Amino acid sequence: MLSIALGVLGAVAAGLVTAYVIASARITYYLPPAPGSTEPSTHHDVHEPMLMLAPVGGLGLALSIIAIALGAWGLARRRGARAWTLAVPCAALLIVLIVLVIAGSMTMPVY
């Protein structure tokens, strides 16, 4: 049961962190007005190093889904899951935490 609960927690955390990484990778910057115009032009770009963290968050999500499946399998056997099955959701939560720390410490370019 604990494996399922930690797997669900890891899946939610991985989804939120992946959404945070994708949302914060978008960069909007404004260029000065072109000659003869009064409005600046708006440009959108992505910060590739930040965007490269999204698949790692997806790996945390995959590990969480595996943890949920292992916990459900243990419950279906009515013997419970083995203690090593708790390592899978803990690894997923650790990966999500590492991605969050790296994404939070990245500097974004200023234009």
C-alpha atoms as a PDB file:
ATOM      1  CA  MET A   1       0.000   0.000   0.000  1.00  0.00           C
ATOM      2  CA  LEU A   2       2.865   2.373   0.810  1.00  0.00           C
ATOM      3  CA  SER A   3       4.378   1.736  -2.604  1.00  0.00           C
ATOM      4  CA  ILE A   4       1.117   2.819  -4.258  1.00  0.00           C
ATOM      5  CA  ALA A   5       0.856   5.958  -2.110  1.00  0.00           C
ATOM      6  CA  LEU A   6       4.471   6.947  -2.773  1.00  0.00           C
ATOM      7  CA  GLY A   7       4.009   6.147  -6.472  1.00  0.00           C
ATOM      8  CA  VAL A   8       0.985   8.433  -6.703  1.00  0.00           C
ATOM      9  CA  LEU A   9       2.879  11.164  -4.844  1.00  0.00           C
ATOM     10  CA  GLY A  10       5.828  10.717  -7.199  1.00  0.00           C
ATOM     11  CA  ALA A  11       3.584  10.824 -10.264  1.00  0.00           C
ATOM     12  CA  VAL A  12       1.919  14.047  -9.149  1.00  0.00           C
ATOM     13  CA  ALA A  13       5.270  15.609  -8.260  1.00  0.00           C
ATOM     14  CA  ALA A  14       6.830  14.513 -11.569  1.00  0.00           C
ATOM     15  CA  GLY A  15       3.920  15.945 -13.526  1.00  0.00           C
ATOM     16  CA  LEU A  16       4.103  19.264 -11.696  1.00  0.00           C
ATOM     17  CA  VAL A  17       7.875  19.539 -12.029  1.00  0.00           C
ATOM     18  CA  THR A  18       7.760  18.665 -15.734  1.00  0.00           C
ATOM     19  CA  ALA A  19       5.059  21.293 -16.274  1.00  0.00           C
ATOM     20  CA  TYR A  20       7.175  23.825 -14.337  1.00  0.00           C
ATOM     21  CA  VAL A  21      10.238  23.047 -16.471  1.00  0.00           C
ATOM     22  CA  ILE A  22       8.316  23.385 -19.734  1.00  0.00           C
ATOM     23  CA  ALA A  23       6.585  26.594 -18.623  1.00  0.00           C
ATOM     24  CA  SER A  24       9.765  28.238 -17.399  1.00  0.00           C
ATOM     25  CA  ALA A  25      11.734  27.331 -20.530  1.00  0.00           C
ATOM     26  CA  ARG A  26       9.757  29.860 -22.564  1.00  0.00           C
ATOM     27  CA  ILE A  27      11.460  33.217 -23.020  1.00  0.00           C
ATOM     28  CA  THR A  28       9.712  36.353 -24.224  1.00  0.00           C
ATOM     29  CA  TYR A  29      11.773  39.353 -25.176  1.00  0.00           C
ATOM     30  CA  TYR A  30      11.088  42.655 -26.855  1.00  0.00           C
ATOM     31  CA  LEU A  31      13.208  44.302 -29.524  1.00  0.00           C
ATOM     32  CA  PRO A  32      13.246  48.027 -30.157  1.00  0.00           C
ATOM     33  CA  PRO A  33      10.852  49.376 -32.773  1.00  0.00           C
ATOM     34  CA  ALA A  34      11.873  49.055 -36.381  1.00  0.00           C
ATOM     35  CA  PRO A  35      12.684  52.293 -38.175  1.00  0.00           C
ATOM     36  CA  GLY A  36       9.448  54.108 -38.950  1.00  0.00           C
ATOM     37  CA  SER A  37       7.445  52.139 -36.371  1.00  0.00           C
ATOM     38  CA  THR A  38       6.436  53.033 -32.831  1.00  0.00           C
ATOM     39  CA  GLU A  39       5.748  49.555 -31.420  1.00  0.00           C
ATOM     40  CA  PRO A  40       8.459  47.162 -30.277  1.00  0.00           C
ATOM     41  CA  SER A  41       8.455  43.690 -31.718  1.00  0.00           C
ATOM     42  CA  THR A  42       7.822  40.727 -29.437  1.00  0.00           C
ATOM     43  CA  HIS A  43       9.797  37.508 -29.869  1.00  0.00           C
ATOM     44  CA  HIS A  44       9.406  34.119 -28.203  1.00  0.00           C
ATOM     45  CA  ASP A  45      12.149  31.578 -27.743  1.00  0.00           C
ATOM     46  CA  VAL A  46      12.948  28.577 -25.544  1.00  0.00           C
ATOM     47  CA  HIS A  47      15.833  28.050 -23.171  1.00  0.00           C
ATOM     48  CA  GLU A  48      17.177  24.704 -24.391  1.00  0.00           C
ATOM     49  CA  PRO A  49      19.160  23.727 -21.257  1.00  0.00           C
ATOM     50  CA  MET A  50      15.997  24.103 -19.191  1.00  0.00           C
ATOM     51  CA  LEU A  51      13.942  22.194 -21.741  1.00  0.00           C
ATOM     52  CA  MET A  52      16.402  19.299 -21.614  1.00  0.00           C
ATOM     53  CA  LEU A  53      15.259  18.568 -18.050  1.00  0.00           C
ATOM     54  CA  ALA A  54      11.730  17.643 -19.178  1.00  0.00           C
ATOM     55  CA  PRO A  55      12.594  14.050 -20.198  1.00  0.00           C
ATOM     56  CA  VAL A  56      14.244  13.501 -16.808  1.00  0.00           C
ATOM     57  CA  GLY A  57      10.964  14.503 -15.163  1.00  0.00           C
ATOM     58  CA  GLY A  58       9.279  12.034 -17.507  1.00  0.00           C
ATOM     59  CA  LEU A  59      11.636   9.347 -16.206  1.00  0.00           C
ATOM     60  CA  GLY A  60      10.428  10.127 -12.681  1.00  0.00           C
ATOM     61  CA  LEU A  61       6.858   9.766 -13.912  1.00  0.00           C
ATOM     62  CA  ALA A  62       7.649   6.404 -15.517  1.00  0.00           C
ATOM     63  CA  LEU A  63       9.257   5.148 -12.311  1.00  0.00           C
ATOM     64  CA  SER A  64       6.198   6.268 -10.363  1.00  0.00           C
ATOM     65  CA  ILE A  65       3.900   4.337 -12.681  1.00  0.00           C
ATOM     66  CA  ILE A  66       6.092   1.255 -12.248  1.00  0.00           C
ATOM     67  CA  ALA A  67       5.896   1.702  -8.458  1.00  0.00           C
ATOM     68  CA  ILE A  68       2.098   1.879  -8.601  1.00  0.00           C
ATOM     69  CA  ALA A  69       2.003  -1.294 -10.715  1.00  0.00           C
ATOM     70  CA  LEU A  70       4.340  -3.143  -8.336  1.00  0.00           C
ATOM     71  CA  GLY A  71       2.283  -2.083  -5.329  1.00  0.00           C
ATOM     72  CA  ALA A  72      -0.960  -3.149  -6.992  1.00  0.00           C
ATOM     73  CA  TRP A  73       0.617  -6.470  -7.922  1.00  0.00           C
ATOM     74  CA  GLY A  74       1.634  -6.960  -4.296  1.00  0.00           C
ATOM     75  CA  LEU A  75      -1.886  -6.200  -3.142  1.00  0.00           C
ATOM     76  CA  ALA A  76      -3.365  -8.574  -5.710  1.00  0.00           C
ATOM     77  CA  ARG A  77      -1.182 -11.375  -4.375  1.00  0.00           C
ATOM     78  CA  ARG A  78      -2.520 -10.563  -0.880  1.00  0.00           C
ATOM     79  CA  ARG A  79       0.934 -10.893   0.556  1.00  0.00           C
ATOM     80  CA  GLY A  80       1.998  -7.314   0.105  1.00  0.00           C
ATOM     81  CA  ALA A  81       4.948  -6.100  -1.859  1.00  0.00           C
ATOM     82  CA  ARG A  82       8.520  -6.741  -0.876  1.00  0.00           C
ATOM     83  CA  ALA A  83      10.543  -4.040   0.808  1.00  0.00           C
ATOM     84  CA  TRP A  84      12.663  -3.463  -2.307  1.00  0.00           C
ATOM     85  CA  THR A  85       9.599  -2.220  -4.166  1.00  0.00           C
ATOM     86  CA  LEU A  86       9.737   0.916  -2.022  1.00  0.00           C
ATOM     87  CA  ALA A  87      13.051   1.760  -3.675  1.00  0.00           C
ATOM     88  CA  VAL A  88      11.293   2.482  -6.984  1.00  0.00           C
ATOM     89  CA  PRO A  89       8.997   5.314  -5.793  1.00  0.00           C
ATOM     90  CA  CYS A  90      11.783   6.681  -3.607  1.00  0.00           C
ATOM     91  CA  ALA A  91      14.045   6.799  -6.670  1.00  0.00           C
ATOM     92  CA  ALA A  92      11.286   8.584  -8.590  1.00  0.00           C
ATOM     93  CA  LEU A  93      10.894  11.166  -5.825  1.00  0.00           C
ATOM     94  CA  LEU A  94      14.669  11.636  -5.674  1.00  0.00           C
ATOM     95  CA  ILE A  95      14.846  12.206  -9.443  1.00  0.00           C
ATOM     96  CA  VAL A  96      12.007  14.732  -9.230  1.00  0.00           C
ATOM     97  CA  LEU A  97      13.754  16.554  -6.380  1.00  0.00           C
ATOM     98  CA  ILE A  98      17.029  16.696  -8.312  1.00  0.00           C
ATOM     99  CA  VAL A  99      15.254  18.071 -11.408  1.00  0.00           C
ATOM    100  CA  LEU A 100      13.525  20.700  -9.279  1.00  0.00           C
ATOM    101  CA  VAL A 101      16.802  21.800  -7.682  1.00  0.00           C
ATOM    102  CA  ILE A 102      18.606  21.982 -11.031  1.00  0.00           C
ATOM    103  CA  ALA A 103      15.719  23.845 -12.695  1.00  0.00           C
ATOM    104  CA  GLY A 104      15.494  26.289  -9.812  1.00  0.00           C
ATOM    105  CA  SER A 105      19.198  27.037  -9.897  1.00  0.00           C
ATOM    106  CA  MET A 106      19.438  27.649 -13.656  1.00  0.00           C
ATOM    107  CA  THR A 107      19.939  31.217 -14.693  1.00  0.00           C
ATOM    108  CA  MET A 108      17.746  32.473 -17.483  1.00  0.00           C
ATOM    109  CA  PRO A 109      19.158  34.770 -20.148  1.00  0.00           C
ATOM    110  CA  VAL A 110      18.146  38.401 -19.967  1.00  0.00           C
ATOM    111  CA  TYR A 111      17.711  40.288 -23.221  1.00  0.00           C
END
